PDB file of N, CA and C in Angstrom:
ATOM      1  N   MET A   1       0.837  -1.186   0.000  1.00  0.00           N
ATOM      2  CA  MET A   1       0.000   0.000   0.000  1.00  0.00           C
ATOM      3  C   MET A   1       0.882   1.251   0.000  1.00  0.00           C
ATOM      4  N   THR A   2       0.388   2.286  -0.598  1.00  0.00           N
ATOM      5  CA  THR A   2       1.085   3.564  -0.557  1.00  0.00           C
ATOM      6  C   THR A   2       0.745   4.289   0.750  1.00  0.00           C
ATOM      7  N   LYS A   3       1.507   5.333   1.047  1.00  0.00           N
ATOM      8  CA  LYS A   3       1.216   6.114   2.248  1.00  0.00           C
ATOM      9  C   LYS A   3      -0.187   6.723   2.165  1.00  0.00           C
ATOM     10  N   SER A   4      -0.563   7.147   0.990  1.00  0.00           N
ATOM     11  CA  SER A   4      -1.897   7.720   0.790  1.00  0.00           C
ATOM     12  C   SER A   4      -2.991   6.681   1.071  1.00  0.00           C
ATOM     13  N   GLN A   5      -2.800   5.467   0.601  1.00  0.00           N
ATOM     14  CA  GLN A   5      -3.768   4.392   0.847  1.00  0.00           C
ATOM     15  C   GLN A   5      -3.835   4.038   2.327  1.00  0.00           C
ATOM     16  N   LEU A   6      -2.690   4.039   2.999  1.00  0.00           N
ATOM     17  CA  LEU A   6      -2.664   3.766   4.436  1.00  0.00           C
ATOM     18  C   LEU A   6      -3.409   4.859   5.202  1.00  0.00           C
ATOM     19  N   ASN A   7      -3.170   6.113   4.822  1.00  0.00           N
ATOM     20  CA  ASN A   7      -3.884   7.228   5.439  1.00  0.00           C
ATOM     21  C   ASN A   7      -5.397   7.074   5.273  1.00  0.00           C
ATOM     22  N   GLU A   8      -5.822   6.735   4.088  1.00  0.00           N
ATOM     23  CA  GLU A   8      -7.254   6.584   3.822  1.00  0.00           C
ATOM     24  C   GLU A   8      -7.863   5.441   4.640  1.00  0.00           C
ATOM     25  N   ARG A   9      -7.155   4.342   4.741  1.00  0.00           N
ATOM     26  CA  ARG A   9      -7.692   3.227   5.532  1.00  0.00           C
ATOM     27  C   ARG A   9      -7.788   3.618   7.012  1.00  0.00           C
ATOM     28  N   CYS A  10      -6.776   4.299   7.532  1.00  0.00           N
ATOM     29  CA  CYS A  10      -6.821   4.756   8.932  1.00  0.00           C
ATOM     30  C   CYS A  10      -7.993   5.700   9.154  1.00  0.00           C
ATOM     31  N   LYS A  11      -8.220   6.615   8.225  1.00  0.00           N
ATOM     32  CA  LYS A  11      -9.342   7.547   8.344  1.00  0.00           C
ATOM     33  C   LYS A  11     -10.680   6.807   8.317  1.00  0.00           C
ATOM     34  N   ARG A  12     -10.800   5.804   7.459  1.00  0.00           N
ATOM     35  CA  ARG A  12     -12.051   5.014   7.403  1.00  0.00           C
ATOM     36  C   ARG A  12     -12.312   4.328   8.738  1.00  0.00           C
ATOM     37  N   ILE A  13     -11.259   3.789   9.338  1.00  0.00           N
ATOM     38  CA  ILE A  13     -11.412   3.129  10.638  1.00  0.00           C
ATOM     39  C   ILE A  13     -11.775   4.165  11.703  1.00  0.00           C
ATOM     40  N   LEU A  14     -11.051   5.277  11.727  1.00  0.00           N
ATOM     41  CA  LEU A  14     -11.268   6.303  12.738  1.00  0.00           C
ATOM     42  C   LEU A  14     -12.678   6.883  12.664  1.00  0.00           C
ATOM     43  N   TYR A  15     -13.078   7.336  11.491  1.00  0.00           N
ATOM     44  CA  TYR A  15     -14.376   7.996  11.350  1.00  0.00           C
ATOM     45  C   TYR A  15     -15.539   7.029  11.178  1.00  0.00           C
ATOM     46  N   GLY A  16     -15.223   5.777  10.912  1.00  0.00           N
ATOM     47  CA  GLY A  16     -16.273   4.767  10.776  1.00  0.00           C
ATOM     48  C   GLY A  16     -16.567   4.039  12.072  1.00  0.00           C
ATOM     49  N   SER A  17     -15.850   4.387  13.129  1.00  0.00           N
ATOM     50  CA  SER A  17     -16.029   3.748  14.434  1.00  0.00           C
ATOM     51  C   SER A  17     -16.723   4.733  15.377  1.00  0.00           C
ATOM     52  N   GLU A  18     -17.438   4.189  16.335  1.00  0.00           N
ATOM     53  CA  GLU A  18     -18.153   5.028  17.291  1.00  0.00           C
ATOM     54  C   GLU A  18     -17.167   5.612  18.308  1.00  0.00           C
ATOM     55  N   PRO A  19     -17.188   6.943  18.490  1.00  0.00           N
ATOM     56  CA  PRO A  19     -16.287   7.551  19.477  1.00  0.00           C
ATOM     57  C   PRO A  19     -16.518   6.989  20.881  1.00  0.00           C
ATOM     58  N   TYR A  20     -15.422   6.842  21.604  1.00  0.00           N
ATOM     59  CA  TYR A  20     -15.408   6.373  22.993  1.00  0.00           C
ATOM     60  C   TYR A  20     -15.838   4.907  23.138  1.00  0.00           C
ATOM     61  N   LYS A  21     -15.778   4.184  22.037  1.00  0.00           N
ATOM     62  CA  LYS A  21     -16.057   2.750  22.045  1.00  0.00           C
ATOM     63  C   LYS A  21     -14.890   2.041  21.366  1.00  0.00           C
ATOM     64  N   PRO A  22     -14.540   0.838  21.839  1.00  0.00           N
ATOM     65  CA  PRO A  22     -13.440   0.111  21.196  1.00  0.00           C
ATOM     66  C   PRO A  22     -13.715  -0.161  19.716  1.00  0.00           C
ATOM     67  N   ILE A  23     -12.676  -0.013  18.907  1.00  0.00           N
ATOM     68  CA  ILE A  23     -12.807  -0.377  17.490  1.00  0.00           C
ATOM     69  C   ILE A  23     -12.823  -1.896  17.392  1.00  0.00           C
ATOM     70  N   SER A  24     -13.143  -2.418  16.222  1.00  0.00           N
ATOM     71  CA  SER A  24     -13.205  -3.872  16.051  1.00  0.00           C
ATOM     72  C   SER A  24     -11.830  -4.501  16.275  1.00  0.00           C
ATOM     73  N   THR A  25     -11.836  -5.741  16.687  1.00  0.00           N
ATOM     74  CA  THR A  25     -10.588  -6.475  16.917  1.00  0.00           C
ATOM     75  C   THR A  25      -9.770  -6.546  15.631  1.00  0.00           C
ATOM     76  N   GLU A  26     -10.440  -6.751  14.520  1.00  0.00           N
ATOM     77  CA  GLU A  26      -9.749  -6.827  13.229  1.00  0.00           C
ATOM     78  C   GLU A  26      -9.038  -5.514  12.919  1.00  0.00           C
ATOM     79  N   ASP A  27      -9.734  -4.389  13.108  1.00  0.00           N
ATOM     80  CA  ASP A  27      -9.120  -3.088  12.843  1.00  0.00           C
ATOM     81  C   ASP A  27      -7.997  -2.797  13.833  1.00  0.00           C
ATOM     82  N   GLN A  28      -8.206  -3.159  15.086  1.00  0.00           N
ATOM     83  CA  GLN A  28      -7.163  -2.941  16.095  1.00  0.00           C
ATOM     84  C   GLN A  28      -5.909  -3.721  15.747  1.00  0.00           C
ATOM     85  N   ASP A  29      -6.065  -4.978  15.387  1.00  0.00           N
ATOM     86  CA  ASP A  29      -4.903  -5.799  15.017  1.00  0.00           C
ATOM     87  C   ASP A  29      -4.180  -5.202  13.818  1.00  0.00           C
ATOM     88  N   TRP A  30      -4.945  -4.745  12.823  1.00  0.00           N
ATOM     89  CA  TRP A  30      -4.332  -4.161  11.632  1.00  0.00           C
ATOM     90  C   TRP A  30      -3.548  -2.902  11.996  1.00  0.00           C
ATOM     91  N   LEU A  31      -4.151  -2.027  12.804  1.00  0.00           N
ATOM     92  CA  LEU A  31      -3.458  -0.800  13.210  1.00  0.00           C
ATOM     93  C   LEU A  31      -2.192  -1.105  14.001  1.00  0.00           C
ATOM     94  N   MET A  32      -2.274  -2.003  14.952  1.00  0.00           N
ATOM     95  CA  MET A  32      -1.110  -2.323  15.784  1.00  0.00           C
ATOM     96  C   MET A  32       0.013  -2.932  14.950  1.00  0.00           C
ATOM     97  N   ASN A  33      -0.327  -3.836  14.040  1.00  0.00           N
ATOM     98  CA  ASN A  33       0.690  -4.564  13.265  1.00  0.00           C
ATOM     99  C   ASN A  33       1.239  -3.792  12.070  1.00  0.00           C
ATOM    100  N   ASN A  34       0.427  -2.905  11.497  1.00  0.00           N
ATOM    101  CA  ASN A  34       0.828  -2.252  10.250  1.00  0.00           C
ATOM    102  C   ASN A  34       1.089  -0.760  10.362  1.00  0.00           C
ATOM    103  N   ILE A  35       0.561  -0.123  11.392  1.00  0.00           N
ATOM    104  CA  ILE A  35       0.687   1.325  11.506  1.00  0.00           C
ATOM    105  C   ILE A  35       1.433   1.721  12.777  1.00  0.00           C
ATOM    106  N   PHE A  36       0.875   1.390  13.925  1.00  0.00           N
ATOM    107  CA  PHE A  36       1.416   1.886  15.191  1.00  0.00           C
ATOM    108  C   PHE A  36       2.804   1.343  15.515  1.00  0.00           C
ATOM    109  N   ASN A  37       3.179   0.218  14.927  1.00  0.00           N
ATOM    110  CA  ASN A  37       4.536  -0.288  15.170  1.00  0.00           C
ATOM    111  C   ASN A  37       5.599   0.560  14.464  1.00  0.00           C
ATOM    112  N   HIS A  38       5.175   1.576  13.716  1.00  0.00           N
ATOM    113  CA  HIS A  38       6.108   2.503  13.053  1.00  0.00           C
ATOM    114  C   HIS A  38       6.157   3.857  13.755  1.00  0.00           C
ATOM    115  N   HIS A  39       5.512   3.971  14.913  1.00  0.00           N
ATOM    116  CA  HIS A  39       5.524   5.245  15.635  1.00  0.00           C
ATOM    117  C   HIS A  39       6.951   5.565  16.070  1.00  0.00           C
ATOM    118  N   PRO A  40       7.378   6.827  15.930  1.00  0.00           N
ATOM    119  CA  PRO A  40       8.750   7.175  16.301  1.00  0.00           C
ATOM    120  C   PRO A  40       9.051   6.963  17.787  1.00  0.00           C
ATOM    121  N   GLU A  41       8.026   6.906  18.630  1.00  0.00           N
ATOM    122  CA  GLU A  41       8.213   6.679  20.067  1.00  0.00           C
ATOM    123  C   GLU A  41       7.620   5.334  20.483  1.00  0.00           C
ATOM    124  N   LYS A  42       7.708   4.364  19.614  1.00  0.00           N
ATOM    125  CA  LYS A  42       7.107   3.051  19.848  1.00  0.00           C
ATOM    126  C   LYS A  42       7.542   2.442  21.178  1.00  0.00           C
ATOM    127  N   GLU A  43       8.808   2.532  21.505  1.00  0.00           N
ATOM    128  CA  GLU A  43       9.309   1.938  22.741  1.00  0.00           C
ATOM    129  C   GLU A  43       8.640   2.567  23.959  1.00  0.00           C
ATOM    130  N   TRP A  44       8.325   3.858  23.868  1.00  0.00           N
ATOM    131  CA  TRP A  44       7.706   4.560  24.989  1.00  0.00           C
ATOM    132  C   TRP A  44       6.333   3.967  25.302  1.00  0.00           C
ATOM    133  N   PHE A  45       5.501   3.817  24.276  1.00  0.00           N
ATOM    134  CA  PHE A  45       4.169   3.296  24.588  1.00  0.00           C
ATOM    135  C   PHE A  45       4.182   1.788  24.813  1.00  0.00           C
ATOM    136  N   GLU A  46       5.173   1.073  24.304  1.00  0.00           N
ATOM    137  CA  GLU A  46       5.278  -0.357  24.608  1.00  0.00           C
ATOM    138  C   GLU A  46       5.598  -0.573  26.083  1.00  0.00           C
ATOM    139  N   ASP A  47       6.333   0.369  26.683  1.00  0.00           N
ATOM    140  CA  ASP A  47       6.675   0.273  28.099  1.00  0.00           C
ATOM    141  C   ASP A  47       5.491   0.566  29.014  1.00  0.00           C
ATOM    142  N   LYS A  48       4.402   1.084  28.474  1.00  0.00           N
ATOM    143  CA  LYS A  48       3.237   1.440  29.291  1.00  0.00           C
ATOM    144  C   LYS A  48       2.431   0.219  29.727  1.00  0.00           C
ATOM    145  N   GLY A  49       2.618  -0.896  29.083  1.00  0.00           N
ATOM    146  CA  GLY A  49       1.903  -2.100  29.481  1.00  0.00           C
ATOM    147  C   GLY A  49       1.134  -2.729  28.341  1.00  0.00           C
ATOM    148  N   VAL A  50       0.159  -3.535  28.730  1.00  0.00           N
ATOM    149  CA  VAL A  50      -0.630  -4.298  27.767  1.00  0.00           C
ATOM    150  C   VAL A  50      -1.783  -3.434  27.263  1.00  0.00           C
ATOM    151  N   VAL A  51      -1.972  -3.442  25.954  1.00  0.00           N
ATOM    152  CA  VAL A  51      -3.072  -2.693  25.347  1.00  0.00           C
ATOM    153  C   VAL A  51      -4.370  -3.452  25.580  1.00  0.00           C
ATOM    154  N   ASP A  52      -5.351  -2.759  26.138  1.00  0.00           N
ATOM    155  CA  ASP A  52      -6.684  -3.340  26.299  1.00  0.00           C
ATOM    156  C   ASP A  52      -7.472  -3.173  25.009  1.00  0.00           C
ATOM    157  N   HIS A  53      -7.492  -1.939  24.499  1.00  0.00           N
ATOM    158  CA  HIS A  53      -8.176  -1.675  23.232  1.00  0.00           C
ATOM    159  C   HIS A  53      -7.777  -0.303  22.696  1.00  0.00           C
ATOM    160  N   ILE A  54      -8.242  -0.028  21.493  1.00  0.00           N
ATOM    161  CA  ILE A  54      -8.034   1.268  20.848  1.00  0.00           C
ATOM    162  C   ILE A  54      -9.414   1.841  20.575  1.00  0.00           C
ATOM    163  N   GLU A  55      -9.567   3.133  20.818  1.00  0.00           N
ATOM    164  CA  GLU A  55     -10.857   3.768  20.539  1.00  0.00           C
ATOM    165  C   GLU A  55     -10.638   5.185  20.018  1.00  0.00           C
ATOM    166  N   PRO A  56     -11.579   5.671  19.206  1.00  0.00           N
ATOM    167  CA  PRO A  56     -11.520   7.069  18.785  1.00  0.00           C
ATOM    168  C   PRO A  56     -12.071   7.952  19.906  1.00  0.00           C
ATOM    169  N   ARG A  57     -11.390   9.041  20.175  1.00  0.00           N
ATOM    170  CA  ARG A  57     -11.849  10.023  21.163  1.00  0.00           C
ATOM    171  C   ARG A  57     -11.592  11.418  20.614  1.00  0.00           C
ATOM    172  N   HIS A  58     -12.361  12.365  21.088  1.00  0.00           N
ATOM    173  CA  HIS A  58     -12.140  13.759  20.702  1.00  0.00           C
ATOM    174  C   HIS A  58     -10.984  14.324  21.508  1.00  0.00           C
ATOM    175  N   ASP A  59     -10.132  15.054  20.832  1.00  0.00           N
ATOM    176  CA  ASP A  59      -8.974  15.675  21.471  1.00  0.00           C
ATOM    177  C   ASP A  59      -9.250  17.166  21.610  1.00  0.00           C
ATOM    178  N   LYS A  60      -9.529  17.602  22.810  1.00  0.00           N
ATOM    179  CA  LYS A  60      -9.896  18.999  23.059  1.00  0.00           C
ATOM    180  C   LYS A  60      -8.766  19.965  22.740  1.00  0.00           C
ATOM    181  N   SER A  61      -7.522  19.516  22.843  1.00  0.00           N
ATOM    182  CA  SER A  61      -6.400  20.410  22.559  1.00  0.00           C
ATOM    183  C   SER A  61      -6.222  20.642  21.062  1.00  0.00           C
ATOM    184  N   ARG A  62      -6.880  19.846  20.254  1.00  0.00           N
ATOM    185  CA  ARG A  62      -6.760  19.986  18.792  1.00  0.00           C
ATOM    186  C   ARG A  62      -8.123  20.290  18.186  1.00  0.00           C
ATOM    187  N   PHE A  63      -8.812  21.248  18.759  1.00  0.00           N
ATOM    188  CA  PHE A  63     -10.095  21.703  18.226  1.00  0.00           C
ATOM    189  C   PHE A  63     -11.121  20.581  18.113  1.00  0.00           C
ATOM    190  N   HIS A  64     -11.116  19.711  19.093  1.00  0.00           N
ATOM    191  CA  HIS A  64     -12.086  18.612  19.180  1.00  0.00           C
ATOM    192  C   HIS A  64     -11.972  17.610  18.026  1.00  0.00           C
ATOM    193  N   SER A  65     -10.784  17.498  17.463  1.00  0.00           N
ATOM    194  CA  SER A  65     -10.611  16.524  16.383  1.00  0.00           C
ATOM    195  C   SER A  65     -10.661  15.109  16.948  1.00  0.00           C
ATOM    196  N   LEU A  66     -11.015  14.172  16.115  1.00  0.00           N
ATOM    197  CA  LEU A  66     -11.094  12.770  16.504  1.00  0.00           C
ATOM    198  C   LEU A  66      -9.729  12.121  16.303  1.00  0.00           C
ATOM    199  N   CYS A  67      -9.250  11.428  17.319  1.00  0.00           N
ATOM    200  CA  CYS A  67      -7.940  10.784  17.281  1.00  0.00           C
ATOM    201  C   CYS A  67      -8.051   9.376  17.858  1.00  0.00           C
ATOM    202  N   PHE A  68      -7.127   8.506  17.448  1.00  0.00           N
ATOM    203  CA  PHE A  68      -7.045   7.188  18.068  1.00  0.00           C
ATOM    204  C   PHE A  68      -6.430   7.335  19.451  1.00  0.00           C
ATOM    205  N   HIS A  69      -6.964   6.594  20.413  1.00  0.00           N
ATOM    206  CA  HIS A  69      -6.408   6.548  21.758  1.00  0.00           C
ATOM    207  C   HIS A  69      -6.198   5.088  22.138  1.00  0.00           C
ATOM    208  N   ILE A  70      -5.021   4.799  22.661  1.00  0.00           N
ATOM    209  CA  ILE A  70      -4.719   3.463  23.149  1.00  0.00           C
ATOM    210  C   ILE A  70      -5.100   3.427  24.624  1.00  0.00           C
ATOM    211  N   VAL A  71      -5.928   2.446  24.991  1.00  0.00           N
ATOM    212  CA  VAL A  71      -6.338   2.258  26.374  1.00  0.00           C
ATOM    213  C   VAL A  71      -5.613   1.017  26.886  1.00  0.00           C
ATOM    214  N   PHE A  72      -4.807   1.207  27.934  1.00  0.00           N
ATOM    215  CA  PHE A  72      -4.038   0.110  28.497  1.00  0.00           C
ATOM    216  C   PHE A  72      -4.825  -0.578  29.611  1.00  0.00           C
ATOM    217  N   THR A  73      -4.446  -1.814  29.913  1.00  0.00           N
ATOM    218  CA  THR A  73      -5.163  -2.580  30.934  1.00  0.00           C
ATOM    219  C   THR A  73      -5.066  -1.941  32.310  1.00  0.00           C
ATOM    220  N   ASN A  74      -4.058  -1.093  32.530  1.00  0.00           N
ATOM    221  CA  ASN A  74      -3.924  -0.411  33.826  1.00  0.00           C
ATOM    222  C   ASN A  74      -4.781   0.853  33.902  1.00  0.00           C
ATOM    223  N   GLY A  75      -5.545   1.135  32.820  1.00  0.00           N
ATOM    224  CA  GLY A  75      -6.442   2.279  32.801  1.00  0.00           C
ATOM    225  C   GLY A  75      -5.867   3.531  32.170  1.00  0.00           C
ATOM    226  N   GLU A  76      -4.570   3.550  31.902  1.00  0.00           N
ATOM    227  CA  GLU A  76      -3.966   4.718  31.268  1.00  0.00           C
ATOM    228  C   GLU A  76      -4.421   4.817  29.814  1.00  0.00           C
ATOM    229  N   VAL A  77      -4.555   6.048  29.348  1.00  0.00           N
ATOM    230  CA  VAL A  77      -5.019   6.309  27.984  1.00  0.00           C
ATOM    231  C   VAL A  77      -4.073   7.310  27.331  1.00  0.00           C
ATOM    232  N   TYR A  78      -3.636   7.003  26.113  1.00  0.00           N
ATOM    233  CA  TYR A  78      -2.745   7.889  25.370  1.00  0.00           C
ATOM    234  C   TYR A  78      -3.217   7.996  23.931  1.00  0.00           C
ATOM    235  N   ASP A  79      -3.168   9.219  23.416  1.00  0.00           N
ATOM    236  CA  ASP A  79      -3.505   9.367  22.002  1.00  0.00           C
ATOM    237  C   ASP A  79      -2.291   8.984  21.175  1.00  0.00           C
ATOM    238  N   ILE A  80      -2.566   8.536  19.973  1.00  0.00           N
ATOM    239  CA  ILE A  80      -1.491   8.128  19.074  1.00  0.00           C
ATOM    240  C   ILE A  80      -1.831   8.602  17.668  1.00  0.00           C
ATOM    241  N   SER A  81      -0.859   9.196  17.016  1.00  0.00           N
ATOM    242  CA  SER A  81      -1.055   9.771  15.698  1.00  0.00           C
ATOM    243  C   SER A  81      -0.693   8.765  14.604  1.00  0.00           C
ATOM    244  N   PHE A  82      -1.690   8.386  13.823  1.00  0.00           N
ATOM    245  CA  PHE A  82      -1.375   7.498  12.698  1.00  0.00           C
ATOM    246  C   PHE A  82      -0.577   8.257  11.646  1.00  0.00           C
ATOM    247  N   HIS A  83      -0.725   9.588  11.599  1.00  0.00           N
ATOM    248  CA  HIS A  83       0.041  10.388  10.649  1.00  0.00           C
ATOM    249  C   HIS A  83       1.541  10.302  10.940  1.00  0.00           C
ATOM    250  N   LYS A  84       1.915  10.378  12.219  1.00  0.00           N
ATOM    251  CA  LYS A  84       3.329  10.249  12.599  1.00  0.00           C
ATOM    252  C   LYS A  84       3.865   8.881  12.213  1.00  0.00           C
ATOM    253  N   CYS A  85       3.054   7.863  12.430  1.00  0.00           N
ATOM    254  CA  CYS A  85       3.481   6.495  12.115  1.00  0.00           C
ATOM    255  C   CYS A  85       3.737   6.329  10.626  1.00  0.00           C
ATOM    256  N   ILE A  86       2.802   6.804   9.829  1.00  0.00           N
ATOM    257  CA  ILE A  86       2.930   6.644   8.377  1.00  0.00           C
ATOM    258  C   ILE A  86       4.082   7.486   7.841  1.00  0.00           C
ATOM    259  N   SER A  87       4.226   8.704   8.346  1.00  0.00           N
ATOM    260  CA  SER A  87       5.331   9.539   7.852  1.00  0.00           C
ATOM    261  C   SER A  87       6.691   8.975   8.266  1.00  0.00           C
ATOM    262  N   ASN A  88       6.723   8.133   9.293  1.00  0.00           N
ATOM    263  CA  ASN A  88       7.967   7.519   9.763  1.00  0.00           C
ATOM    264  C   ASN A  88       8.333   6.258   8.976  1.00  0.00           C
ATOM    265  N   MET A  89       7.441   5.812   8.111  1.00  0.00           N
ATOM    266  CA  MET A  89       7.693   4.587   7.333  1.00  0.00           C
ATOM    267  C   MET A  89       8.701   4.843   6.218  1.00  0.00           C
ATOM    268  N   THR A  90       9.491   3.818   5.960  1.00  0.00           N
ATOM    269  CA  THR A  90      10.441   3.866   4.857  1.00  0.00           C
ATOM    270  C   THR A  90       9.853   3.156   3.645  1.00  0.00           C
ATOM    271  N   LYS A  91      10.521   3.247   2.516  1.00  0.00           N
ATOM    272  CA  LYS A  91      10.062   2.537   1.319  1.00  0.00           C
ATOM    273  C   LYS A  91      10.046   1.038   1.563  1.00  0.00           C
ATOM    274  N   LYS A  92      11.022   0.554   2.337  1.00  0.00           N
ATOM    275  CA  LYS A  92      11.085  -0.868   2.669  1.00  0.00           C
ATOM    276  C   LYS A  92       9.842  -1.280   3.460  1.00  0.00           C
ATOM    277  N   ASP A  93       9.400  -0.444   4.416  1.00  0.00           N
ATOM    278  CA  ASP A  93       8.204  -0.745   5.204  1.00  0.00           C
ATOM    279  C   ASP A  93       6.973  -0.845   4.326  1.00  0.00           C
ATOM    280  N   LEU A  94       6.888  -0.007   3.307  1.00  0.00           N
ATOM    281  CA  LEU A  94       5.718   0.020   2.437  1.00  0.00           C
ATOM    282  C   LEU A  94       5.634  -1.191   1.520  1.00  0.00           C
ATOM    283  N   LYS A  95       6.751  -1.832   1.237  1.00  0.00           N
ATOM    284  CA  LYS A  95       6.768  -2.992   0.344  1.00  0.00           C
ATOM    285  C   LYS A  95       6.366  -4.273   1.063  1.00  0.00           C
ATOM    286  N   GLN A  96       6.377  -4.269   2.388  1.00  0.00           N
ATOM    287  CA  GLN A  96       6.087  -5.491   3.144  1.00  0.00           C
ATOM    288  C   GLN A  96       4.620  -5.812   3.134  1.00  0.00           C
TER     289      GLN A  96
END
């Protein structure tokens, strides 16, 4: 997939899911395996613990935009930018 195609798929998942509710297991697995593992601070959020689920939430600091949030089993919640993940991908990552 191209970066543009990845962006479009992420947007479909984000805006096609109900805010403040977990996204489907299939979409979560796809995001974790294909997108979020390319986050420039991947080690930081991996150290936070086990992911319970991912859900779209409104981010008040960004004009109420909808963003993915990772909810950990310990109750901590962090937003994660799929844009950062995709922009961090190399050509080699896109061919896989």
